[in-house]
Amino acid sequence: MIFVRILFRLCVLIGGVLLASYLVPGITWGNWDAPLKVALVLAVLNIFIKPLALIVTLPVNVVTLGLFTLVINAALFWTAGRLVDGFNLSGFWPAFTGGIVISVVSLSLNWLAKKPKG
């Protein structure tokens, strides 16, 4: 059951990366495997780096009422894009906007797939 949930979340992340690259100017990729690799790298970064980044930036996050999390998402997306050949982000703003698109897609689809209680 846990494997299916992980696979679903990875597919959602892939869909978010593809949608972000379609909607946001400045996000381009060459091969079809580039968005898949970015999603995998982003998943690993979200598992290991994001919790540490959230703890380190907690005071800033509190002051900005959580909006600094968007900057963290942009930084992780930009890092994932830099680590994968064939995937290009032309700057901070495409990474920031792409991070928002990916977050909205992930939040929406994970909420829709949530098991009802009872």
PDB file of N, CA and C in Angstrom:
ATOM      1  N   MET A   1       0.815  -1.192   0.000  1.00  0.00           N
ATOM      2  CA  MET A   1       0.000   0.000   0.000  1.00  0.00           C
ATOM      3  C   MET A   1       0.863   1.261   0.000  1.00  0.00           C
ATOM      4  N   ILE A   2       1.943   1.239   0.787  1.00  0.00           N
ATOM      5  CA  ILE A   2       2.825   2.395   0.853  1.00  0.00           C
ATOM      6  C   ILE A   2       3.518   2.622  -0.484  1.00  0.00           C
ATOM      7  N   PHE A   3       3.847   1.549  -1.183  1.00  0.00           N
ATOM      8  CA  PHE A   3       4.490   1.662  -2.493  1.00  0.00           C
ATOM      9  C   PHE A   3       3.569   2.353  -3.492  1.00  0.00           C
ATOM     10  N   VAL A   4       2.287   2.030  -3.445  1.00  0.00           N
ATOM     11  CA  VAL A   4       1.316   2.652  -4.348  1.00  0.00           C
ATOM     12  C   VAL A   4       1.209   4.145  -4.050  1.00  0.00           C
ATOM     13  N   ARG A   5       1.227   4.512  -2.775  1.00  0.00           N
ATOM     14  CA  ARG A   5       1.153   5.920  -2.395  1.00  0.00           C
ATOM     15  C   ARG A   5       2.388   6.685  -2.865  1.00  0.00           C
ATOM     16  N   ILE A   6       3.552   6.070  -2.710  1.00  0.00           N
ATOM     17  CA  ILE A   6       4.793   6.709  -3.159  1.00  0.00           C
ATOM     18  C   ILE A   6       4.787   6.862  -4.675  1.00  0.00           C
ATOM     19  N   LEU A   7       4.356   5.830  -5.377  1.00  0.00           N
ATOM     20  CA  LEU A   7       4.282   5.891  -6.834  1.00  0.00           C
ATOM     21  C   LEU A   7       3.282   6.952  -7.290  1.00  0.00           C
ATOM     22  N   PHE A   8       2.149   7.057  -6.602  1.00  0.00           N
ATOM     23  CA  PHE A   8       1.158   8.076  -6.940  1.00  0.00           C
ATOM     24  C   PHE A   8       1.736   9.474  -6.749  1.00  0.00           C
ATOM     25  N   ARG A   9       2.400   9.703  -5.638  1.00  0.00           N
ATOM     26  CA  ARG A   9       2.982  11.016  -5.377  1.00  0.00           C
ATOM     27  C   ARG A   9       4.071  11.357  -6.379  1.00  0.00           C
ATOM     28  N   LEU A  10       4.838  10.360  -6.797  1.00  0.00           N
ATOM     29  CA  LEU A  10       5.855  10.593  -7.813  1.00  0.00           C
ATOM     30  C   LEU A  10       5.210  10.948  -9.152  1.00  0.00           C
ATOM     31  N   CYS A  11       4.141  10.273  -9.511  1.00  0.00           N
ATOM     32  CA  CYS A  11       3.415  10.599 -10.741  1.00  0.00           C
ATOM     33  C   CYS A  11       2.822  12.001 -10.672  1.00  0.00           C
ATOM     34  N   VAL A  12       2.319  12.386  -9.524  1.00  0.00           N
ATOM     35  CA  VAL A  12       1.788  13.735  -9.339  1.00  0.00           C
ATOM     36  C   VAL A  12       2.912  14.759  -9.512  1.00  0.00           C
ATOM     37  N   LEU A  13       4.070  14.468  -8.959  1.00  0.00           N
ATOM     38  CA  LEU A  13       5.217  15.358  -9.075  1.00  0.00           C
ATOM     39  C   LEU A  13       5.661  15.476 -10.536  1.00  0.00           C
ATOM     40  N   ILE A  14       5.674  14.370 -11.245  1.00  0.00           N
ATOM     41  CA  ILE A  14       6.016  14.403 -12.673  1.00  0.00           C
ATOM     42  C   ILE A  14       5.009  15.262 -13.430  1.00  0.00           C
ATOM     43  N   GLY A  15       3.736  15.083 -13.136  1.00  0.00           N
ATOM     44  CA  GLY A  15       2.707  15.897 -13.772  1.00  0.00           C
ATOM     45  C   GLY A  15       2.875  17.374 -13.456  1.00  0.00           C
ATOM     46  N   GLY A  16       3.236  17.678 -12.229  1.00  0.00           N
ATOM     47  CA  GLY A  16       3.468  19.067 -11.844  1.00  0.00           C
ATOM     48  C   GLY A  16       4.641  19.684 -12.582  1.00  0.00           C
ATOM     49  N   VAL A  17       5.713  18.928 -12.730  1.00  0.00           N
ATOM     50  CA  VAL A  17       6.885  19.420 -13.467  1.00  0.00           C
ATOM     51  C   VAL A  17       6.524  19.642 -14.933  1.00  0.00           C
ATOM     52  N   LEU A  18       5.786  18.698 -15.529  1.00  0.00           N
ATOM     53  CA  LEU A  18       5.376  18.854 -16.927  1.00  0.00           C
ATOM     54  C   LEU A  18       4.453  20.056 -17.099  1.00  0.00           C
ATOM     55  N   LEU A  19       3.491  20.222 -16.196  1.00  0.00           N
ATOM     56  CA  LEU A  19       2.574  21.356 -16.283  1.00  0.00           C
ATOM     57  C   LEU A  19       3.323  22.679 -16.093  1.00  0.00           C
ATOM     58  N   ALA A  20       4.252  22.712 -15.149  1.00  0.00           N
ATOM     59  CA  ALA A  20       5.036  23.927 -14.930  1.00  0.00           C
ATOM     60  C   ALA A  20       5.859  24.274 -16.168  1.00  0.00           C
ATOM     61  N   SER A  21       6.442  23.261 -16.804  1.00  0.00           N
ATOM     62  CA  SER A  21       7.240  23.545 -18.001  1.00  0.00           C
ATOM     63  C   SER A  21       6.362  23.990 -19.170  1.00  0.00           C
ATOM     64  N   TYR A  22       5.101  23.591 -19.163  1.00  0.00           N
ATOM     65  CA  TYR A  22       4.170  24.016 -20.199  1.00  0.00           C
ATOM     66  C   TYR A  22       3.650  25.432 -19.946  1.00  0.00           C
ATOM     67  N   LEU A  23       3.366  25.766 -18.694  1.00  0.00           N
ATOM     68  CA  LEU A  23       2.744  27.041 -18.358  1.00  0.00           C
ATOM     69  C   LEU A  23       3.728  28.190 -18.152  1.00  0.00           C
ATOM     70  N   VAL A  24       4.907  27.882 -17.654  1.00  0.00           N
ATOM     71  CA  VAL A  24       5.835  28.936 -17.243  1.00  0.00           C
ATOM     72  C   VAL A  24       6.900  29.156 -18.318  1.00  0.00           C
ATOM     73  N   PRO A  25       6.947  30.371 -18.876  1.00  0.00           N
ATOM     74  CA  PRO A  25       8.035  30.661 -19.812  1.00  0.00           C
ATOM     75  C   PRO A  25       9.366  30.662 -19.066  1.00  0.00           C
ATOM     76  N   GLY A  26      10.377  30.120 -19.670  1.00  0.00           N
ATOM     77  CA  GLY A  26      11.682  30.057 -19.031  1.00  0.00           C
ATOM     78  C   GLY A  26      12.024  28.686 -18.492  1.00  0.00           C
ATOM     79  N   ILE A  27      11.086  27.750 -18.569  1.00  0.00           N
ATOM     80  CA  ILE A  27      11.357  26.370 -18.184  1.00  0.00           C
ATOM     81  C   ILE A  27      11.300  25.541 -19.461  1.00  0.00           C
ATOM     82  N   THR A  28      12.435  24.984 -19.836  1.00  0.00           N
ATOM     83  CA  THR A  28      12.499  24.180 -21.062  1.00  0.00           C
ATOM     84  C   THR A  28      13.219  22.871 -20.777  1.00  0.00           C
ATOM     85  N   TRP A  29      12.937  21.888 -21.590  1.00  0.00           N
ATOM     86  CA  TRP A  29      13.624  20.607 -21.493  1.00  0.00           C
ATOM     87  C   TRP A  29      13.757  20.025 -22.884  1.00  0.00           C
ATOM     88  N   GLY A  30      14.795  19.211 -23.050  1.00  0.00           N
ATOM     89  CA  GLY A  30      15.084  18.638 -24.356  1.00  0.00           C
ATOM     90  C   GLY A  30      14.486  17.260 -24.531  1.00  0.00           C
ATOM     91  N   ASN A  31      14.954  16.310 -23.766  1.00  0.00           N
ATOM     92  CA  ASN A  31      14.495  14.924 -23.875  1.00  0.00           C
ATOM     93  C   ASN A  31      13.303  14.689 -22.965  1.00  0.00           C
ATOM     94  N   TRP A  32      12.529  13.653 -23.307  1.00  0.00           N
ATOM     95  CA  TRP A  32      11.365  13.319 -22.474  1.00  0.00           C
ATOM     96  C   TRP A  32      11.754  12.800 -21.102  1.00  0.00           C
ATOM     97  N   ASP A  33      12.962  12.319 -20.970  1.00  0.00           N
ATOM     98  CA  ASP A  33      13.356  11.804 -19.667  1.00  0.00           C
ATOM     99  C   ASP A  33      13.791  12.910 -18.704  1.00  0.00           C
ATOM    100  N   ALA A  34      14.038  14.111 -19.193  1.00  0.00           N
ATOM    101  CA  ALA A  34      14.485  15.205 -18.320  1.00  0.00           C
ATOM    102  C   ALA A  34      13.452  15.562 -17.247  1.00  0.00           C
ATOM    103  N   PRO A  35      12.158  15.750 -17.579  1.00  0.00           N
ATOM    104  CA  PRO A  35      11.190  16.041 -16.510  1.00  0.00           C
ATOM    105  C   PRO A  35      11.042  14.889 -15.513  1.00  0.00           C
ATOM    106  N   LEU A  36      11.205  13.663 -15.987  1.00  0.00           N
ATOM    107  CA  LEU A  36      11.126  12.515 -15.082  1.00  0.00           C
ATOM    108  C   LEU A  36      12.288  12.534 -14.098  1.00  0.00           C
ATOM    109  N   LYS A  37      13.478  12.826 -14.617  1.00  0.00           N
ATOM    110  CA  LYS A  37      14.650  12.890 -13.744  1.00  0.00           C
ATOM    111  C   LYS A  37      14.537  14.051 -12.756  1.00  0.00           C
ATOM    112  N   VAL A  38      14.025  15.197 -13.237  1.00  0.00           N
ATOM    113  CA  VAL A  38      13.849  16.344 -12.343  1.00  0.00           C
ATOM    114  C   VAL A  38      12.876  15.987 -11.223  1.00  0.00           C
ATOM    115  N   ALA A  39      11.795  15.288 -11.561  1.00  0.00           N
ATOM    116  CA  ALA A  39      10.825  14.898 -10.540  1.00  0.00           C
ATOM    117  C   ALA A  39      11.457  13.956  -9.516  1.00  0.00           C
ATOM    118  N   LEU A  40      12.276  13.030  -9.976  1.00  0.00           N
ATOM    119  CA  LEU A  40      12.958  12.118  -9.043  1.00  0.00           C
ATOM    120  C   LEU A  40      13.929  12.875  -8.139  1.00  0.00           C
ATOM    121  N   VAL A  41      14.721  13.764  -8.725  1.00  0.00           N
ATOM    122  CA  VAL A  41      15.673  14.542  -7.933  1.00  0.00           C
ATOM    123  C   VAL A  41      14.920  15.452  -6.962  1.00  0.00           C
ATOM    124  N   LEU A  42      13.842  16.061  -7.427  1.00  0.00           N
ATOM    125  CA  LEU A  42      13.047  16.928  -6.573  1.00  0.00           C
ATOM    126  C   LEU A  42      12.419  16.152  -5.415  1.00  0.00           C
ATOM    127  N   ALA A  43      11.992  14.929  -5.678  1.00  0.00           N
ATOM    128  CA  ALA A  43      11.434  14.086  -4.615  1.00  0.00           C
ATOM    129  C   ALA A  43      12.490  13.807  -3.551  1.00  0.00           C
ATOM    130  N   VAL A  44      13.695  13.491  -3.972  1.00  0.00           N
ATOM    131  CA  VAL A  44      14.778  13.222  -3.020  1.00  0.00           C
ATOM    132  C   VAL A  44      15.125  14.488  -2.232  1.00  0.00           C
ATOM    133  N   LEU A  45      15.190  15.624  -2.933  1.00  0.00           N
ATOM    134  CA  LEU A  45      15.471  16.888  -2.244  1.00  0.00           C
ATOM    135  C   LEU A  45      14.367  17.228  -1.243  1.00  0.00           C
ATOM    136  N   ASN A  46      13.123  16.973  -1.623  1.00  0.00           N
ATOM    137  CA  ASN A  46      11.998  17.241  -0.714  1.00  0.00           C
ATOM    138  C   ASN A  46      12.030  16.351   0.516  1.00  0.00           C
ATOM    139  N   ILE A  47      12.537  15.145   0.361  1.00  0.00           N
ATOM    140  CA  ILE A  47      12.601  14.225   1.499  1.00  0.00           C
ATOM    141  C   ILE A  47      13.723  14.605   2.458  1.00  0.00           C
ATOM    142  N   PHE A  48      14.903  14.922   1.918  1.00  0.00           N
ATOM    143  CA  PHE A  48      16.072  15.109   2.773  1.00  0.00           C
ATOM    144  C   PHE A  48      16.419  16.561   3.073  1.00  0.00           C
ATOM    145  N   ILE A  49      16.309  17.441   2.109  1.00  0.00           N
ATOM    146  CA  ILE A  49      16.772  18.810   2.280  1.00  0.00           C
ATOM    147  C   ILE A  49      15.667  19.744   2.781  1.00  0.00           C
ATOM    148  N   LYS A  50      14.446  19.586   2.276  1.00  0.00           N
ATOM    149  CA  LYS A  50      13.376  20.523   2.625  1.00  0.00           C
ATOM    150  C   LYS A  50      13.096  20.593   4.128  1.00  0.00           C
ATOM    151  N   PRO A  51      13.019  19.463   4.842  1.00  0.00           N
ATOM    152  CA  PRO A  51      12.785  19.587   6.296  1.00  0.00           C
ATOM    153  C   PRO A  51      13.889  20.365   7.003  1.00  0.00           C
ATOM    154  N   LEU A  52      15.143  20.152   6.600  1.00  0.00           N
ATOM    155  CA  LEU A  52      16.250  20.898   7.210  1.00  0.00           C
ATOM    156  C   LEU A  52      16.160  22.384   6.876  1.00  0.00           C
ATOM    157  N   ALA A  53      15.814  22.684   5.627  1.00  0.00           N
ATOM    158  CA  ALA A  53      15.684  24.086   5.217  1.00  0.00           C
ATOM    159  C   ALA A  53      14.546  24.766   5.973  1.00  0.00           C
ATOM    160  N   LEU A  54      13.456  24.047   6.180  1.00  0.00           N
ATOM    161  CA  LEU A  54      12.335  24.629   6.926  1.00  0.00           C
ATOM    162  C   LEU A  54      12.698  24.908   8.378  1.00  0.00           C
ATOM    163  N   ILE A  55      13.482  24.031   8.984  1.00  0.00           N
ATOM    164  CA  ILE A  55      13.899  24.240  10.373  1.00  0.00           C
ATOM    165  C   ILE A  55      14.865  25.416  10.478  1.00  0.00           C
ATOM    166  N   VAL A  56      15.825  25.478   9.559  1.00  0.00           N
ATOM    167  CA  VAL A  56      16.821  26.552   9.596  1.00  0.00           C
ATOM    168  C   VAL A  56      16.166  27.912   9.359  1.00  0.00           C
ATOM    169  N   THR A  57      15.170  27.955   8.477  1.00  0.00           N
ATOM    170  CA  THR A  57      14.531  29.235   8.130  1.00  0.00           C
ATOM    171  C   THR A  57      13.241  29.473   8.914  1.00  0.00           C
ATOM    172  N   LEU A  58      13.045  28.759   9.993  1.00  0.00           N
ATOM    173  CA  LEU A  58      11.805  28.894  10.764  1.00  0.00           C
ATOM    174  C   LEU A  58      11.514  30.328  11.214  1.00  0.00           C
ATOM    175  N   PRO A  59      12.492  31.069  11.734  1.00  0.00           N
ATOM    176  CA  PRO A  59      12.169  32.452  12.126  1.00  0.00           C
ATOM    177  C   PRO A  59      11.691  33.303  10.940  1.00  0.00           C
ATOM    178  N   VAL A  60      12.340  33.172   9.806  1.00  0.00           N
ATOM    179  CA  VAL A  60      11.932  33.937   8.619  1.00  0.00           C
ATOM    180  C   VAL A  60      10.550  33.480   8.163  1.00  0.00           C
ATOM    181  N   ASN A  61      10.306  32.187   8.227  1.00  0.00           N
ATOM    182  CA  ASN A  61       9.002  31.651   7.829  1.00  0.00           C
ATOM    183  C   ASN A  61       7.894  32.159   8.739  1.00  0.00           C
ATOM    184  N   VAL A  62       8.172  32.274  10.015  1.00  0.00           N
ATOM    185  CA  VAL A  62       7.164  32.780  10.951  1.00  0.00           C
ATOM    186  C   VAL A  62       6.871  34.252  10.654  1.00  0.00           C
ATOM    187  N   VAL A  63       7.911  35.031  10.441  1.00  0.00           N
ATOM    188  CA  VAL A  63       7.733  36.461  10.170  1.00  0.00           C
ATOM    189  C   VAL A  63       6.968  36.687   8.872  1.00  0.00           C
ATOM    190  N   THR A  64       7.226  35.849   7.854  1.00  0.00           N
ATOM    191  CA  THR A  64       6.555  36.015   6.560  1.00  0.00           C
ATOM    192  C   THR A  64       5.261  35.209   6.466  1.00  0.00           C
ATOM    193  N   LEU A  65       4.820  34.659   7.595  1.00  0.00           N
ATOM    194  CA  LEU A  65       3.585  33.864   7.659  1.00  0.00           C
ATOM    195  C   LEU A  65       3.612  32.677   6.700  1.00  0.00           C
ATOM    196  N   GLY A  66       4.771  32.065   6.561  1.00  0.00           N
ATOM    197  CA  GLY A  66       4.907  30.864   5.749  1.00  0.00           C
ATOM    198  C   GLY A  66       5.214  31.103   4.296  1.00  0.00           C
ATOM    199  N   LEU A  67       5.236  32.351   3.863  1.00  0.00           N
ATOM    200  CA  LEU A  67       5.488  32.627   2.449  1.00  0.00           C
ATOM    201  C   LEU A  67       6.927  32.337   2.029  1.00  0.00           C
ATOM    202  N   PHE A  68       7.843  32.305   2.981  1.00  0.00           N
ATOM    203  CA  PHE A  68       9.229  31.978   2.638  1.00  0.00           C
ATOM    204  C   PHE A  68       9.360  30.539   2.158  1.00  0.00           C
ATOM    205  N   THR A  69       8.385  29.709   2.474  1.00  0.00           N
ATOM    206  CA  THR A  69       8.377  28.329   1.974  1.00  0.00           C
ATOM    207  C   THR A  69       8.361  28.316   0.451  1.00  0.00           C
ATOM    208  N   LEU A  70       7.741  29.313  -0.161  1.00  0.00           N
ATOM    209  CA  LEU A  70       7.744  29.410  -1.620  1.00  0.00           C
ATOM    210  C   LEU A  70       9.156  29.621  -2.155  1.00  0.00           C
ATOM    211  N   VAL A  71       9.955  30.371  -1.439  1.00  0.00           N
ATOM    212  CA  VAL A  71      11.349  30.584  -1.835  1.00  0.00           C
ATOM    213  C   VAL A  71      12.130  29.278  -1.700  1.00  0.00           C
ATOM    214  N   ILE A  72      11.868  28.534  -0.644  1.00  0.00           N
ATOM    215  CA  ILE A  72      12.528  27.236  -0.457  1.00  0.00           C
ATOM    216  C   ILE A  72      12.140  26.291  -1.591  1.00  0.00           C
ATOM    217  N   ASN A  73      10.846  26.254  -1.944  1.00  0.00           N
ATOM    218  CA  ASN A  73      10.401  25.413  -3.057  1.00  0.00           C
ATOM    219  C   ASN A  73      11.086  25.819  -4.356  1.00  0.00           C
ATOM    220  N   ALA A  74      11.213  27.118  -4.593  1.00  0.00           N
ATOM    221  CA  ALA A  74      11.883  27.600  -5.799  1.00  0.00           C
ATOM    222  C   ALA A  74      13.349  27.181  -5.807  1.00  0.00           C
ATOM    223  N   ALA A  75      14.005  27.292  -4.668  1.00  0.00           N
ATOM    224  CA  ALA A  75      15.417  26.908  -4.584  1.00  0.00           C
ATOM    225  C   ALA A  75      15.601  25.410  -4.833  1.00  0.00           C
ATOM    226  N   LEU A  76      14.711  24.597  -4.287  1.00  0.00           N
ATOM    227  CA  LEU A  76      14.806  23.154  -4.511  1.00  0.00           C
ATOM    228  C   LEU A  76      14.528  22.802  -5.971  1.00  0.00           C
ATOM    229  N   PHE A  77      13.536  23.459  -6.575  1.00  0.00           N
ATOM    230  CA  PHE A  77      13.220  23.220  -7.984  1.00  0.00           C
ATOM    231  C   PHE A  77      14.378  23.670  -8.863  1.00  0.00           C
ATOM    232  N   TRP A  78      14.971  24.810  -8.558  1.00  0.00           N
ATOM    233  CA  TRP A  78      16.110  25.306  -9.318  1.00  0.00           C
ATOM    234  C   TRP A  78      17.297  24.352  -9.187  1.00  0.00           C
ATOM    235  N   THR A  79      17.528  23.849  -7.969  1.00  0.00           N
ATOM    236  CA  THR A  79      18.618  22.900  -7.745  1.00  0.00           C
ATOM    237  C   THR A  79      18.393  21.614  -8.539  1.00  0.00           C
ATOM    238  N   ALA A  80      17.171  21.091  -8.501  1.00  0.00           N
ATOM    239  CA  ALA A  80      16.859  19.880  -9.259  1.00  0.00           C
ATOM    240  C   ALA A  80      17.063  20.117 -10.751  1.00  0.00           C
ATOM    241  N   GLY A  81      16.647  21.280 -11.236  1.00  0.00           N
ATOM    242  CA  GLY A  81      16.834  21.604 -12.646  1.00  0.00           C
ATOM    243  C   GLY A  81      18.292  21.718 -13.033  1.00  0.00           C
ATOM    244  N   ARG A  82      19.119  22.245 -12.129  1.00  0.00           N
ATOM    245  CA  ARG A  82      20.553  22.370 -12.412  1.00  0.00           C
ATOM    246  C   ARG A  82      21.264  21.012 -12.400  1.00  0.00           C
ATOM    247  N   LEU A  83      20.751  20.079 -11.615  1.00  0.00           N
ATOM    248  CA  LEU A  83      21.400  18.770 -11.511  1.00  0.00           C
ATOM    249  C   LEU A  83      21.083  17.849 -12.691  1.00  0.00           C
ATOM    250  N   VAL A  84      20.035  18.136 -13.432  1.00  0.00           N
ATOM    251  CA  VAL A  84      19.610  17.257 -14.530  1.00  0.00           C
ATOM    252  C   VAL A  84      19.976  17.903 -15.860  1.00  0.00           C
ATOM    253  N   ASP A  85      20.735  17.168 -16.671  1.00  0.00           N
ATOM    254  CA  ASP A  85      21.075  17.655 -18.006  1.00  0.00           C
ATOM    255  C   ASP A  85      19.833  17.642 -18.887  1.00  0.00           C
ATOM    256  N   GLY A  86      19.687  18.676 -19.695  1.00  0.00           N
ATOM    257  CA  GLY A  86      18.563  18.746 -20.615  1.00  0.00           C
ATOM    258  C   GLY A  86      17.346  19.447 -20.046  1.00  0.00           C
ATOM    259  N   PHE A  87      17.436  19.931 -18.806  1.00  0.00           N
ATOM    260  CA  PHE A  87      16.342  20.670 -18.183  1.00  0.00           C
ATOM    261  C   PHE A  87      16.880  22.042 -17.808  1.00  0.00           C
ATOM    262  N   ASN A  88      16.236  23.096 -18.292  1.00  0.00           N
ATOM    263  CA  ASN A  88      16.772  24.443 -18.102  1.00  0.00           C
ATOM    264  C   ASN A  88      15.749  25.367 -17.456  1.00  0.00           C
ATOM    265  N   LEU A  89      16.201  26.058 -16.436  1.00  0.00           N
ATOM    266  CA  LEU A  89      15.436  27.133 -15.809  1.00  0.00           C
ATOM    267  C   LEU A  89      16.211  28.414 -16.073  1.00  0.00           C
ATOM    268  N   SER A  90      15.561  29.405 -16.661  1.00  0.00           N
ATOM    269  CA  SER A  90      16.281  30.602 -17.082  1.00  0.00           C
ATOM    270  C   SER A  90      16.501  31.619 -15.967  1.00  0.00           C
ATOM    271  N   GLY A  91      16.138  31.302 -14.753  1.00  0.00           N
ATOM    272  CA  GLY A  91      16.381  32.227 -13.653  1.00  0.00           C
ATOM    273  C   GLY A  91      15.530  31.910 -12.443  1.00  0.00           C
ATOM    274  N   PHE A  92      15.564  32.863 -11.483  1.00  0.00           N
ATOM    275  CA  PHE A  92      14.838  32.651 -10.237  1.00  0.00           C
ATOM    276  C   PHE A  92      13.331  32.669 -10.445  1.00  0.00           C
ATOM    277  N   TRP A  93      12.821  33.620 -11.219  1.00  0.00           N
ATOM    278  CA  TRP A  93      11.370  33.759 -11.357  1.00  0.00           C
ATOM    279  C   TRP A  93      10.707  32.575 -12.035  1.00  0.00           C
ATOM    280  N   PRO A  94      11.281  31.999 -13.082  1.00  0.00           N
ATOM    281  CA  PRO A  94      10.684  30.762 -13.594  1.00  0.00           C
ATOM    282  C   PRO A  94      10.710  29.632 -12.560  1.00  0.00           C
ATOM    283  N   ALA A  95      11.791  29.556 -11.777  1.00  0.00           N
ATOM    284  CA  ALA A  95      11.856  28.537 -10.725  1.00  0.00           C
ATOM    285  C   ALA A  95      10.808  28.806  -9.651  1.00  0.00           C
ATOM    286  N   PHE A  96      10.632  30.068  -9.292  1.00  0.00           N
ATOM    287  CA  PHE A  96       9.650  30.452  -8.281  1.00  0.00           C
ATOM    288  C   PHE A  96       8.235  30.128  -8.756  1.00  0.00           C
ATOM    289  N   THR A  97       7.911  30.541  -9.983  1.00  0.00           N
ATOM    290  CA  THR A  97       6.576  30.283 -10.530  1.00  0.00           C
ATOM    291  C   THR A  97       6.362  28.792 -10.751  1.00  0.00           C
ATOM    292  N   GLY A  98       7.380  28.105 -11.244  1.00  0.00           N
ATOM    293  CA  GLY A  98       7.274  26.655 -11.424  1.00  0.00           C
ATOM    294  C   GLY A  98       7.079  25.934 -10.106  1.00  0.00           C
ATOM    295  N   GLY A  99       7.758  26.403  -9.063  1.00  0.00           N
ATOM    296  CA  GLY A  99       7.572  25.817  -7.741  1.00  0.00           C
ATOM    297  C   GLY A  99       6.147  25.992  -7.233  1.00  0.00           C
ATOM    298  N   ILE A 100       5.555  27.142  -7.523  1.00  0.00           N
ATOM    299  CA  ILE A 100       4.165  27.379  -7.130  1.00  0.00           C
ATOM    300  C   ILE A 100       3.239  26.434  -7.891  1.00  0.00           C
ATOM    301  N   VAL A 101       3.466  26.287  -9.202  1.00  0.00           N
ATOM    302  CA  VAL A 101       2.624  25.391 -10.008  1.00  0.00           C
ATOM    303  C   VAL A 101       2.726  23.964  -9.487  1.00  0.00           C
ATOM    304  N   ILE A 102       3.935  23.504  -9.231  1.00  0.00           N
ATOM    305  CA  ILE A 102       4.136  22.143  -8.734  1.00  0.00           C
ATOM    306  C   ILE A 102       3.471  21.968  -7.370  1.00  0.00           C
ATOM    307  N   SER A 103       3.593  22.962  -6.507  1.00  0.00           N
ATOM    308  CA  SER A 103       2.975  22.882  -5.181  1.00  0.00           C
ATOM    309  C   SER A 103       1.454  22.816  -5.273  1.00  0.00           C
ATOM    310  N   VAL A 104       0.867  23.639  -6.136  1.00  0.00           N
ATOM    311  CA  VAL A 104      -0.587  23.641  -6.281  1.00  0.00           C
ATOM    312  C   VAL A 104      -1.076  22.311  -6.855  1.00  0.00           C
ATOM    313  N   VAL A 105      -0.378  21.795  -7.860  1.00  0.00           N
ATOM    314  CA  VAL A 105      -0.766  20.507  -8.447  1.00  0.00           C
ATOM    315  C   VAL A 105      -0.645  19.397  -7.405  1.00  0.00           C
ATOM    316  N   SER A 106       0.461  19.361  -6.694  1.00  0.00           N
ATOM    317  CA  SER A 106       0.671  18.315  -5.681  1.00  0.00           C
ATOM    318  C   SER A 106      -0.358  18.410  -4.564  1.00  0.00           C
ATOM    319  N   LEU A 107      -0.582  19.611  -4.068  1.00  0.00           N
ATOM    320  CA  LEU A 107      -1.547  19.794  -2.992  1.00  0.00           C
ATOM    321  C   LEU A 107      -2.946  19.378  -3.437  1.00  0.00           C
ATOM    322  N   SER A 108      -3.337  19.799  -4.628  1.00  0.00           N
ATOM    323  CA  SER A 108      -4.687  19.499  -5.131  1.00  0.00           C
ATOM    324  C   SER A 108      -4.894  18.004  -5.350  1.00  0.00           C
ATOM    325  N   LEU A 109      -3.986  17.368  -6.060  1.00  0.00           N
ATOM    326  CA  LEU A 109      -4.169  15.950  -6.376  1.00  0.00           C
ATOM    327  C   LEU A 109      -4.013  15.060  -5.153  1.00  0.00           C
ATOM    328  N   ASN A 110      -3.097  15.411  -4.261  1.00  0.00           N
ATOM    329  CA  ASN A 110      -2.961  14.628  -3.033  1.00  0.00           C
ATOM    330  C   ASN A 110      -4.192  14.794  -2.145  1.00  0.00           C
ATOM    331  N   TRP A 111      -4.796  15.974  -2.139  1.00  0.00           N
ATOM    332  CA  TRP A 111      -6.016  16.201  -1.371  1.00  0.00           C
ATOM    333  C   TRP A 111      -7.184  15.404  -1.966  1.00  0.00           C
ATOM    334  N   LEU A 112      -7.271  15.393  -3.305  1.00  0.00           N
ATOM    335  CA  LEU A 112      -8.342  14.637  -3.954  1.00  0.00           C
ATOM    336  C   LEU A 112      -8.205  13.131  -3.744  1.00  0.00           C
ATOM    337  N   ALA A 113      -6.984  12.656  -3.649  1.00  0.00           N
ATOM    338  CA  ALA A 113      -6.747  11.218  -3.497  1.00  0.00           C
ATOM    339  C   ALA A 113      -6.770  10.768  -2.043  1.00  0.00           C
ATOM    340  N   LYS A 114      -6.962  11.700  -1.130  1.00  0.00           N
ATOM    341  CA  LYS A 114      -6.970  11.363   0.294  1.00  0.00           C
ATOM    342  C   LYS A 114      -8.119  10.389   0.610  1.00  0.00           C
ATOM    343  N   LYS A 115      -7.804   9.406   1.429  1.00  0.00           N
ATOM    344  CA  LYS A 115      -8.822   8.442   1.836  1.00  0.00           C
ATOM    345  C   LYS A 115      -9.817   9.098   2.778  1.00  0.00           C
ATOM    346  N   PRO A 116     -11.111   8.933   2.504  1.00  0.00           N
ATOM    347  CA  PRO A 116     -12.097   9.496   3.435  1.00  0.00           C
ATOM    348  C   PRO A 116     -12.071   8.727   4.763  1.00  0.00           C
ATOM    349  N   LYS A 117     -12.277   9.464   5.843  1.00  0.00           N
ATOM    350  CA  LYS A 117     -12.293   8.837   7.164  1.00  0.00           C
ATOM    351  C   LYS A 117     -13.684   8.287   7.438  1.00  0.00           C
ATOM    352  N   GLY A 118     -13.709   7.139   8.080  1.00  0.00           N
ATOM    353  CA  GLY A 118     -14.985   6.607   8.502  1.00  0.00           C
ATOM    354  C   GLY A 118     -15.454   5.430   7.774  1.00  0.00           C
TER     355      GLY A 118
END
